Amino acid sequence: MQQESQWEQEIHAQVERSQRWAKGIFAGSLGAVLVSGVVALLGFWLGGCSSDLGHAILHNYPTQEQVVTVPKGPMEAYLCAYKSVGLMEGGIVTAHSTVPPSLTAEVSYAVRLNVIIEPVAKGSQVTIRGSVMPHKMVMGEFDEVQKYAALLQKCRTEDL
């Protein structure tokens, strides 16, 4: 009888641990947020309430590249490139180097820009490579590379 009661106690303890775990997952704030978030995303996507959301979930954006020639020396072009990041929504420089002039930035809270500046005969060539960061979505169009290039084009004629 002693063994049965130990065995029963062990079973009851395991059942209680399982129940506490299940309650923690589904009744806890993290579990509730995860479950409600998944349900909301599926509702929007399947219900067609937001075509941009469905497009963002299903679309894998390829890396974009654009080259801009700036009629300034490499260091002036580097300063212009650095300042241009701050003019974009959510723009923050995450890494930079002056030799060779280059920087990495995050813009629009979802896009990583890699910018490399090289001297050429008529100034500097700025190569911009943009990619959507892992686990991020772009709502609307992925046009941050073009927007950044436009800021650099503006830098061609005036100082920012």
N, C-alpha and C. Protein backbone atom coordinates (compact mmCIF):
# COMPACT_ATOMS: atom_id res chain seq x y z
N MET A 1 0.81 -1.18 0.00
CA MET A 1 0.00 0.00 0.00
C MET A 1 0.87 1.26 0.00
N GLN A 2 1.98 1.17 0.66
CA GLN A 2 2.93 2.27 0.71
C GLN A 2 3.40 2.61 -0.70
N GLN A 3 3.66 1.58 -1.53
CA GLN A 3 4.14 1.81 -2.89
C GLN A 3 3.06 2.44 -3.75
N GLU A 4 1.85 2.02 -3.59
CA GLU A 4 0.76 2.59 -4.37
C GLU A 4 0.59 4.07 -4.06
N SER A 5 0.68 4.42 -2.83
CA SER A 5 0.50 5.82 -2.47
C SER A 5 1.65 6.68 -3.01
N GLN A 6 2.87 6.15 -3.00
CA GLN A 6 4.00 6.89 -3.59
C GLN A 6 3.79 7.05 -5.10
N TRP A 7 3.36 5.96 -5.73
CA TRP A 7 3.13 6.00 -7.18
C TRP A 7 2.02 6.99 -7.51
N GLU A 8 0.94 6.95 -6.74
CA GLU A 8 -0.16 7.88 -6.95
C GLU A 8 0.28 9.32 -6.70
N GLN A 9 1.07 9.54 -5.68
CA GLN A 9 1.56 10.88 -5.40
C GLN A 9 2.43 11.39 -6.54
N GLU A 10 3.25 10.51 -7.07
CA GLU A 10 4.11 10.90 -8.20
C GLU A 10 3.28 11.27 -9.43
N ILE A 11 2.25 10.46 -9.71
CA ILE A 11 1.36 10.75 -10.85
C ILE A 11 0.65 12.08 -10.64
N HIS A 12 0.12 12.29 -9.45
CA HIS A 12 -0.58 13.54 -9.15
C HIS A 12 0.36 14.74 -9.28
N ALA A 13 1.59 14.58 -8.83
CA ALA A 13 2.57 15.67 -8.93
C ALA A 13 2.87 16.00 -10.39
N GLN A 14 3.01 14.95 -11.22
CA GLN A 14 3.26 15.18 -12.65
C GLN A 14 2.07 15.86 -13.32
N VAL A 15 0.87 15.44 -12.96
CA VAL A 15 -0.34 16.06 -13.53
C VAL A 15 -0.42 17.53 -13.14
N GLU A 16 -0.13 17.82 -11.87
CA GLU A 16 -0.17 19.21 -11.41
C GLU A 16 0.87 20.06 -12.12
N ARG A 17 2.08 19.53 -12.31
CA ARG A 17 3.13 20.27 -13.05
C ARG A 17 2.68 20.56 -14.47
N SER A 18 2.08 19.56 -15.11
CA SER A 18 1.59 19.74 -16.48
C SER A 18 0.50 20.79 -16.55
N GLN A 19 -0.41 20.76 -15.58
CA GLN A 19 -1.50 21.74 -15.57
C GLN A 19 -0.97 23.14 -15.32
N ARG A 20 -0.01 23.28 -14.40
CA ARG A 20 0.58 24.60 -14.15
C ARG A 20 1.30 25.12 -15.39
N TRP A 21 1.99 24.23 -16.07
CA TRP A 21 2.71 24.62 -17.29
C TRP A 21 1.72 25.10 -18.35
N ALA A 22 0.63 24.32 -18.54
CA ALA A 22 -0.36 24.69 -19.55
C ALA A 22 -1.04 26.01 -19.19
N LYS A 23 -1.36 26.20 -17.91
CA LYS A 23 -1.97 27.46 -17.49
C LYS A 23 -1.01 28.61 -17.69
N GLY A 24 0.26 28.38 -17.41
CA GLY A 24 1.26 29.43 -17.59
C GLY A 24 1.40 29.84 -19.04
N ILE A 25 1.33 28.88 -19.94
CA ILE A 25 1.46 29.20 -21.37
C ILE A 25 0.24 29.96 -21.88
N PHE A 26 -0.96 29.44 -21.59
CA PHE A 26 -2.15 30.01 -22.20
C PHE A 26 -2.79 31.12 -21.37
N ALA A 27 -2.58 31.12 -20.07
CA ALA A 27 -3.17 32.16 -19.24
C ALA A 27 -2.19 33.28 -18.96
N GLY A 28 -0.91 33.00 -19.13
CA GLY A 28 0.11 34.02 -18.90
C GLY A 28 0.06 35.10 -19.96
N SER A 29 0.62 36.25 -19.65
CA SER A 29 0.54 37.38 -20.57
C SER A 29 1.29 37.10 -21.86
N LEU A 30 2.45 36.44 -21.81
CA LEU A 30 3.20 36.14 -23.02
C LEU A 30 2.43 35.20 -23.92
N GLY A 31 1.87 34.15 -23.33
CA GLY A 31 1.10 33.19 -24.12
C GLY A 31 -0.13 33.84 -24.73
N ALA A 32 -0.80 34.68 -23.96
CA ALA A 32 -1.99 35.35 -24.47
C ALA A 32 -1.64 36.29 -25.61
N VAL A 33 -0.53 37.00 -25.47
CA VAL A 33 -0.10 37.90 -26.54
C VAL A 33 0.26 37.11 -27.79
N LEU A 34 1.00 36.02 -27.62
CA LEU A 34 1.37 35.21 -28.78
C LEU A 34 0.15 34.64 -29.48
N VAL A 35 -0.75 34.06 -28.71
CA VAL A 35 -1.95 33.46 -29.30
C VAL A 35 -2.80 34.53 -29.97
N SER A 36 -3.04 35.65 -29.31
CA SER A 36 -3.88 36.69 -29.90
C SER A 36 -3.20 37.31 -31.12
N GLY A 37 -1.87 37.43 -31.07
CA GLY A 37 -1.15 37.97 -32.23
C GLY A 37 -1.26 37.08 -33.44
N VAL A 38 -1.11 35.79 -33.25
CA VAL A 38 -1.23 34.83 -34.35
C VAL A 38 -2.64 34.84 -34.90
N VAL A 39 -3.63 34.87 -34.03
CA VAL A 39 -5.03 34.90 -34.47
C VAL A 39 -5.30 36.18 -35.26
N ALA A 40 -4.80 37.31 -34.79
CA ALA A 40 -5.02 38.58 -35.50
C ALA A 40 -4.36 38.57 -36.86
N LEU A 41 -3.11 38.09 -36.93
CA LEU A 41 -2.43 38.03 -38.22
C LEU A 41 -3.17 37.13 -39.20
N LEU A 42 -3.59 35.97 -38.73
CA LEU A 42 -4.32 35.07 -39.61
C LEU A 42 -5.64 35.69 -40.04
N GLY A 43 -6.32 36.38 -39.13
CA GLY A 43 -7.58 37.03 -39.48
C GLY A 43 -7.41 38.08 -40.56
N PHE A 44 -6.39 38.93 -40.40
CA PHE A 44 -6.13 39.94 -41.42
C PHE A 44 -5.75 39.31 -42.74
N TRP A 45 -4.88 38.34 -42.69
CA TRP A 45 -4.36 37.74 -43.91
C TRP A 45 -5.43 36.96 -44.65
N LEU A 46 -6.15 36.10 -43.92
CA LEU A 46 -7.17 35.29 -44.56
C LEU A 46 -8.41 36.10 -44.90
N GLY A 47 -8.72 37.10 -44.08
CA GLY A 47 -9.92 37.90 -44.32
C GLY A 47 -9.73 38.96 -45.39
N GLY A 48 -8.51 39.19 -45.80
CA GLY A 48 -8.26 40.18 -46.83
C GLY A 48 -8.41 41.60 -46.34
N CYS A 49 -8.37 41.82 -45.01
CA CYS A 49 -8.53 43.16 -44.47
C CYS A 49 -7.33 44.03 -44.78
N SER A 50 -6.19 43.43 -44.94
CA SER A 50 -5.00 44.21 -45.23
C SER A 50 -4.17 43.48 -46.27
N SER A 51 -4.28 43.91 -47.50
CA SER A 51 -3.51 43.25 -48.55
C SER A 51 -2.02 43.49 -48.37
N ASP A 52 -1.63 44.64 -47.79
CA ASP A 52 -0.21 44.90 -47.56
C ASP A 52 0.37 43.92 -46.56
N LEU A 53 -0.40 43.58 -45.52
CA LEU A 53 0.09 42.65 -44.51
C LEU A 53 0.32 41.27 -45.12
N GLY A 54 -0.65 40.79 -45.89
CA GLY A 54 -0.48 39.50 -46.55
C GLY A 54 0.69 39.52 -47.51
N HIS A 55 0.86 40.63 -48.22
CA HIS A 55 1.98 40.78 -49.16
C HIS A 55 3.30 40.76 -48.42
N ALA A 56 3.37 41.44 -47.27
CA ALA A 56 4.61 41.50 -46.50
C ALA A 56 4.96 40.14 -45.91
N ILE A 57 3.96 39.38 -45.49
CA ILE A 57 4.24 38.07 -44.90
C ILE A 57 4.75 37.11 -45.96
N LEU A 58 4.16 37.14 -47.12
CA LEU A 58 4.49 36.17 -48.15
C LEU A 58 5.66 36.59 -49.03
N HIS A 59 6.02 37.86 -49.04
CA HIS A 59 7.02 38.34 -49.97
C HIS A 59 8.42 38.33 -49.37
N ASN A 60 9.35 37.81 -50.12
CA ASN A 60 10.75 37.83 -49.71
C ASN A 60 11.45 38.86 -50.58
N TYR A 61 11.81 39.99 -50.00
CA TYR A 61 12.39 41.08 -50.77
C TYR A 61 13.85 40.79 -51.09
N PRO A 62 14.25 40.88 -52.36
CA PRO A 62 15.67 40.70 -52.70
C PRO A 62 16.46 41.95 -52.31
N THR A 63 17.76 41.77 -52.15
CA THR A 63 18.64 42.90 -51.86
C THR A 63 18.62 43.86 -53.04
N GLN A 64 18.56 45.15 -52.74
CA GLN A 64 18.58 46.18 -53.79
C GLN A 64 19.91 46.90 -53.76
N GLU A 65 20.37 47.33 -54.92
CA GLU A 65 21.64 48.06 -55.01
C GLU A 65 21.48 49.24 -55.95
N GLN A 66 22.09 50.33 -55.57
CA GLN A 66 22.08 51.52 -56.42
C GLN A 66 23.40 52.24 -56.24
N VAL A 67 23.90 52.83 -57.33
CA VAL A 67 25.17 53.56 -57.30
C VAL A 67 24.90 55.02 -57.62
N VAL A 68 25.48 55.92 -56.81
CA VAL A 68 25.32 57.36 -56.99
C VAL A 68 26.71 57.97 -57.06
N THR A 69 26.91 58.87 -58.02
CA THR A 69 28.18 59.59 -58.10
C THR A 69 27.98 60.97 -57.49
N VAL A 70 28.84 61.30 -56.52
CA VAL A 70 28.78 62.58 -55.82
C VAL A 70 30.03 63.37 -56.19
N PRO A 71 29.88 64.62 -56.66
CA PRO A 71 31.05 65.40 -57.08
C PRO A 71 31.81 66.00 -55.89
N LYS A 72 32.15 65.15 -54.94
CA LYS A 72 32.89 65.58 -53.76
C LYS A 72 33.93 64.50 -53.46
N GLY A 73 34.92 64.86 -52.68
CA GLY A 73 35.93 63.90 -52.28
C GLY A 73 35.33 62.81 -51.39
N PRO A 74 36.06 61.71 -51.19
CA PRO A 74 35.51 60.60 -50.40
C PRO A 74 35.11 61.00 -48.98
N MET A 75 35.87 61.83 -48.30
CA MET A 75 35.51 62.19 -46.93
C MET A 75 34.28 63.10 -46.89
N GLU A 76 34.16 64.01 -47.85
CA GLU A 76 32.95 64.85 -47.91
C GLU A 76 31.73 64.00 -48.25
N ALA A 77 31.91 63.06 -49.16
CA ALA A 77 30.81 62.16 -49.52
C ALA A 77 30.42 61.28 -48.33
N TYR A 78 31.42 60.85 -47.55
CA TYR A 78 31.17 60.05 -46.35
C TYR A 78 30.34 60.85 -45.34
N LEU A 79 30.70 62.12 -45.11
CA LEU A 79 29.94 62.96 -44.19
C LEU A 79 28.51 63.16 -44.68
N CYS A 80 28.37 63.35 -45.98
CA CYS A 80 27.04 63.51 -46.57
C CYS A 80 26.23 62.23 -46.39
N ALA A 81 26.86 61.07 -46.61
CA ALA A 81 26.17 59.78 -46.45
C ALA A 81 25.76 59.58 -45.00
N TYR A 82 26.62 59.95 -44.09
CA TYR A 82 26.34 59.81 -42.65
C TYR A 82 25.15 60.70 -42.26
N LYS A 83 25.17 61.95 -42.70
CA LYS A 83 24.08 62.87 -42.36
C LYS A 83 22.76 62.45 -43.01
N SER A 84 22.82 61.87 -44.19
CA SER A 84 21.61 61.46 -44.90
C SER A 84 20.85 60.38 -44.15
N VAL A 85 21.57 59.53 -43.43
CA VAL A 85 20.90 58.49 -42.64
C VAL A 85 19.98 59.13 -41.61
N GLY A 86 20.43 60.19 -40.97
CA GLY A 86 19.64 60.86 -39.95
C GLY A 86 18.39 61.52 -40.49
N LEU A 87 18.33 61.76 -41.79
CA LEU A 87 17.15 62.39 -42.40
C LEU A 87 16.07 61.38 -42.75
N MET A 88 16.38 60.09 -42.62
CA MET A 88 15.40 59.06 -42.95
C MET A 88 14.66 58.61 -41.68
N GLU A 89 13.44 58.14 -41.84
CA GLU A 89 12.65 57.67 -40.70
C GLU A 89 13.37 56.52 -40.00
N GLY A 90 13.54 56.64 -38.70
CA GLY A 90 14.19 55.58 -37.91
C GLY A 90 15.65 55.39 -38.25
N GLY A 91 16.27 56.38 -38.90
CA GLY A 91 17.66 56.24 -39.35
C GLY A 91 18.66 56.27 -38.21
N ILE A 92 19.50 55.24 -38.16
CA ILE A 92 20.56 55.19 -37.16
C ILE A 92 21.76 54.46 -37.76
N VAL A 93 22.94 55.04 -37.59
CA VAL A 93 24.16 54.41 -38.06
C VAL A 93 24.57 53.37 -37.02
N THR A 94 24.74 52.12 -37.46
CA THR A 94 25.09 51.05 -36.53
C THR A 94 26.57 50.69 -36.58
N ALA A 95 27.24 51.02 -37.68
CA ALA A 95 28.68 50.79 -37.80
C ALA A 95 29.22 51.74 -38.85
N HIS A 96 30.46 52.20 -38.66
CA HIS A 96 31.04 53.09 -39.65
C HIS A 96 32.56 52.98 -39.61
N SER A 97 33.18 53.37 -40.73
CA SER A 97 34.63 53.35 -40.84
C SER A 97 35.03 54.47 -41.80
N THR A 98 36.13 55.13 -41.48
CA THR A 98 36.61 56.18 -42.38
C THR A 98 37.66 55.64 -43.34
N VAL A 99 38.22 54.46 -43.05
CA VAL A 99 39.20 53.85 -43.96
C VAL A 99 38.82 52.40 -44.17
N PRO A 100 38.28 52.02 -45.31
CA PRO A 100 37.73 52.87 -46.37
C PRO A 100 36.41 53.48 -45.90
N PRO A 101 36.04 54.61 -46.48
CA PRO A 101 34.79 55.25 -46.04
C PRO A 101 33.58 54.34 -46.30
N SER A 102 32.92 53.95 -45.24
CA SER A 102 31.76 53.07 -45.36
C SER A 102 30.93 53.17 -44.08
N LEU A 103 29.68 52.75 -44.19
CA LEU A 103 28.83 52.72 -43.01
C LEU A 103 27.72 51.71 -43.20
N THR A 104 27.18 51.28 -42.09
CA THR A 104 26.00 50.42 -42.07
C THR A 104 24.96 51.14 -41.23
N ALA A 105 23.74 51.14 -41.73
CA ALA A 105 22.67 51.87 -41.04
C ALA A 105 21.38 51.06 -41.08
N GLU A 106 20.51 51.38 -40.14
CA GLU A 106 19.16 50.83 -40.14
C GLU A 106 18.20 51.99 -40.34
N VAL A 107 17.28 51.82 -41.29
CA VAL A 107 16.28 52.86 -41.57
C VAL A 107 14.90 52.22 -41.61
N SER A 108 13.89 53.02 -41.38
CA SER A 108 12.49 52.57 -41.40
C SER A 108 12.25 51.40 -40.46
N TYR A 109 13.10 51.22 -39.47
CA TYR A 109 12.96 50.18 -38.45
C TYR A 109 12.96 48.77 -39.02
N ALA A 110 13.29 48.60 -40.30
CA ALA A 110 13.23 47.26 -40.89
C ALA A 110 14.26 47.02 -41.98
N VAL A 111 14.97 48.06 -42.40
CA VAL A 111 15.87 47.93 -43.55
C VAL A 111 17.30 48.26 -43.13
N ARG A 112 18.23 47.41 -43.58
CA ARG A 112 19.65 47.65 -43.33
C ARG A 112 20.28 48.15 -44.62
N LEU A 113 20.99 49.27 -44.50
CA LEU A 113 21.71 49.84 -45.64
C LEU A 113 23.21 49.68 -45.41
N ASN A 114 23.92 49.17 -46.42
CA ASN A 114 25.37 49.13 -46.41
C ASN A 114 25.84 50.12 -47.47
N VAL A 115 26.65 51.07 -47.06
CA VAL A 115 27.08 52.16 -47.95
C VAL A 115 28.61 52.14 -48.04
N ILE A 116 29.12 52.08 -49.27
CA ILE A 116 30.56 52.08 -49.50
C ILE A 116 30.89 53.25 -50.42
N ILE A 117 31.91 54.03 -50.05
CA ILE A 117 32.30 55.21 -50.82
C ILE A 117 33.69 54.96 -51.40
N GLU A 118 33.80 55.14 -52.72
CA GLU A 118 35.08 54.93 -53.41
C GLU A 118 35.40 56.16 -54.24
N PRO A 119 36.67 56.56 -54.27
CA PRO A 119 37.04 57.71 -55.10
C PRO A 119 37.00 57.33 -56.59
N VAL A 120 36.50 58.27 -57.38
CA VAL A 120 36.51 58.14 -58.85
C VAL A 120 37.01 59.45 -59.42
N ALA A 121 37.20 59.50 -60.73
CA ALA A 121 37.79 60.67 -61.38
C ALA A 121 37.00 61.96 -61.11
N LYS A 122 35.67 61.89 -61.07
CA LYS A 122 34.86 63.10 -60.92
C LYS A 122 34.25 63.24 -59.54
N GLY A 123 34.88 62.69 -58.52
CA GLY A 123 34.36 62.80 -57.16
C GLY A 123 34.40 61.47 -56.45
N SER A 124 33.24 61.00 -56.02
CA SER A 124 33.14 59.74 -55.29
C SER A 124 31.95 58.94 -55.79
N GLN A 125 32.15 57.63 -55.79
CA GLN A 125 31.07 56.72 -56.15
C GLN A 125 30.54 56.10 -54.86
N VAL A 126 29.25 56.26 -54.64
CA VAL A 126 28.61 55.73 -53.43
C VAL A 126 27.74 54.54 -53.84
N THR A 127 28.10 53.37 -53.33
CA THR A 127 27.32 52.16 -53.60
C THR A 127 26.44 51.88 -52.39
N ILE A 128 25.13 51.76 -52.63
CA ILE A 128 24.15 51.54 -51.57
C ILE A 128 23.53 50.17 -51.78
N ARG A 129 23.63 49.31 -50.77
CA ARG A 129 22.97 48.01 -50.80
C ARG A 129 21.98 47.96 -49.65
N GLY A 130 20.74 47.66 -49.98
CA GLY A 130 19.70 47.62 -48.95
C GLY A 130 19.04 46.27 -48.89
N SER A 131 18.76 45.81 -47.68
CA SER A 131 18.05 44.54 -47.51
C SER A 131 17.13 44.64 -46.30
N VAL A 132 16.04 43.91 -46.37
CA VAL A 132 15.11 43.87 -45.25
C VAL A 132 15.73 42.97 -44.18
N MET A 133 15.76 43.47 -42.95
CA MET A 133 16.39 42.73 -41.86
C MET A 133 15.59 41.47 -41.53
N PRO A 134 16.27 40.43 -41.02
CA PRO A 134 15.56 39.21 -40.66
C PRO A 134 14.48 39.50 -39.62
N HIS A 135 13.37 38.81 -39.75
CA HIS A 135 12.23 38.90 -38.82
C HIS A 135 11.57 40.28 -38.83
N LYS A 136 11.74 41.03 -39.93
CA LYS A 136 11.09 42.33 -40.07
C LYS A 136 10.21 42.31 -41.31
N MET A 137 9.24 43.21 -41.33
CA MET A 137 8.36 43.34 -42.49
C MET A 137 8.40 44.77 -42.99
N VAL A 138 8.26 44.92 -44.29
CA VAL A 138 8.14 46.24 -44.89
C VAL A 138 6.68 46.42 -45.29
N MET A 139 6.07 47.45 -44.76
CA MET A 139 4.69 47.74 -45.13
C MET A 139 4.73 48.66 -46.34
N GLY A 140 4.01 48.28 -47.38
CA GLY A 140 4.04 49.07 -48.61
C GLY A 140 5.19 48.63 -49.48
N GLU A 141 5.87 49.58 -50.06
CA GLU A 141 6.97 49.28 -50.99
C GLU A 141 8.32 49.30 -50.27
N PHE A 142 9.23 48.50 -50.75
CA PHE A 142 10.61 48.48 -50.27
C PHE A 142 11.38 49.48 -51.15
N ASP A 143 11.34 50.77 -50.75
CA ASP A 143 11.94 51.82 -51.57
C ASP A 143 12.97 52.65 -50.80
N GLU A 144 13.47 52.12 -49.70
CA GLU A 144 14.42 52.88 -48.87
C GLU A 144 15.73 53.15 -49.61
N VAL A 145 16.18 52.23 -50.45
CA VAL A 145 17.42 52.45 -51.21
C VAL A 145 17.24 53.64 -52.14
N GLN A 146 16.10 53.72 -52.82
CA GLN A 146 15.83 54.84 -53.72
C GLN A 146 15.71 56.15 -52.96
N LYS A 147 15.06 56.12 -51.80
CA LYS A 147 14.93 57.34 -50.99
C LYS A 147 16.29 57.83 -50.51
N TYR A 148 17.15 56.89 -50.09
CA TYR A 148 18.49 57.26 -49.62
C TYR A 148 19.32 57.81 -50.78
N ALA A 149 19.21 57.18 -51.95
CA ALA A 149 19.93 57.66 -53.14
C ALA A 149 19.47 59.07 -53.51
N ALA A 150 18.19 59.36 -53.35
CA ALA A 150 17.68 60.70 -53.65
C ALA A 150 18.28 61.74 -52.70
N LEU A 151 18.44 61.36 -51.43
CA LEU A 151 19.09 62.27 -50.48
C LEU A 151 20.54 62.52 -50.88
N LEU A 152 21.23 61.48 -51.35
CA LEU A 152 22.62 61.66 -51.79
C LEU A 152 22.68 62.51 -53.06
N GLN A 153 21.69 62.36 -53.94
CA GLN A 153 21.63 63.20 -55.15
C GLN A 153 21.46 64.66 -54.74
N LYS A 154 20.66 64.90 -53.72
CA LYS A 154 20.47 66.27 -53.21
C LYS A 154 21.79 66.80 -52.66
N CYS A 155 22.56 65.92 -52.08
CA CYS A 155 23.86 66.29 -51.52
C CYS A 155 24.84 66.71 -52.61
N ARG A 156 24.59 66.26 -53.84
CA ARG A 156 25.44 66.64 -54.97
C ARG A 156 25.45 68.14 -55.19
N THR A 157 24.29 68.76 -54.98
CA THR A 157 24.16 70.17 -55.32
C THR A 157 24.21 71.11 -54.11
N GLU A 158 23.97 70.56 -52.93
CA GLU A 158 23.98 71.41 -51.73
C GLU A 158 24.45 70.60 -50.55
N ASP A 159 24.83 71.28 -49.52
CA ASP A 159 25.22 70.58 -48.29
C ASP A 159 23.99 70.32 -47.45
N LEU A 160 23.94 69.16 -46.84
CA LEU A 160 22.81 68.81 -45.98
C LEU A 160 22.97 69.43 -44.61
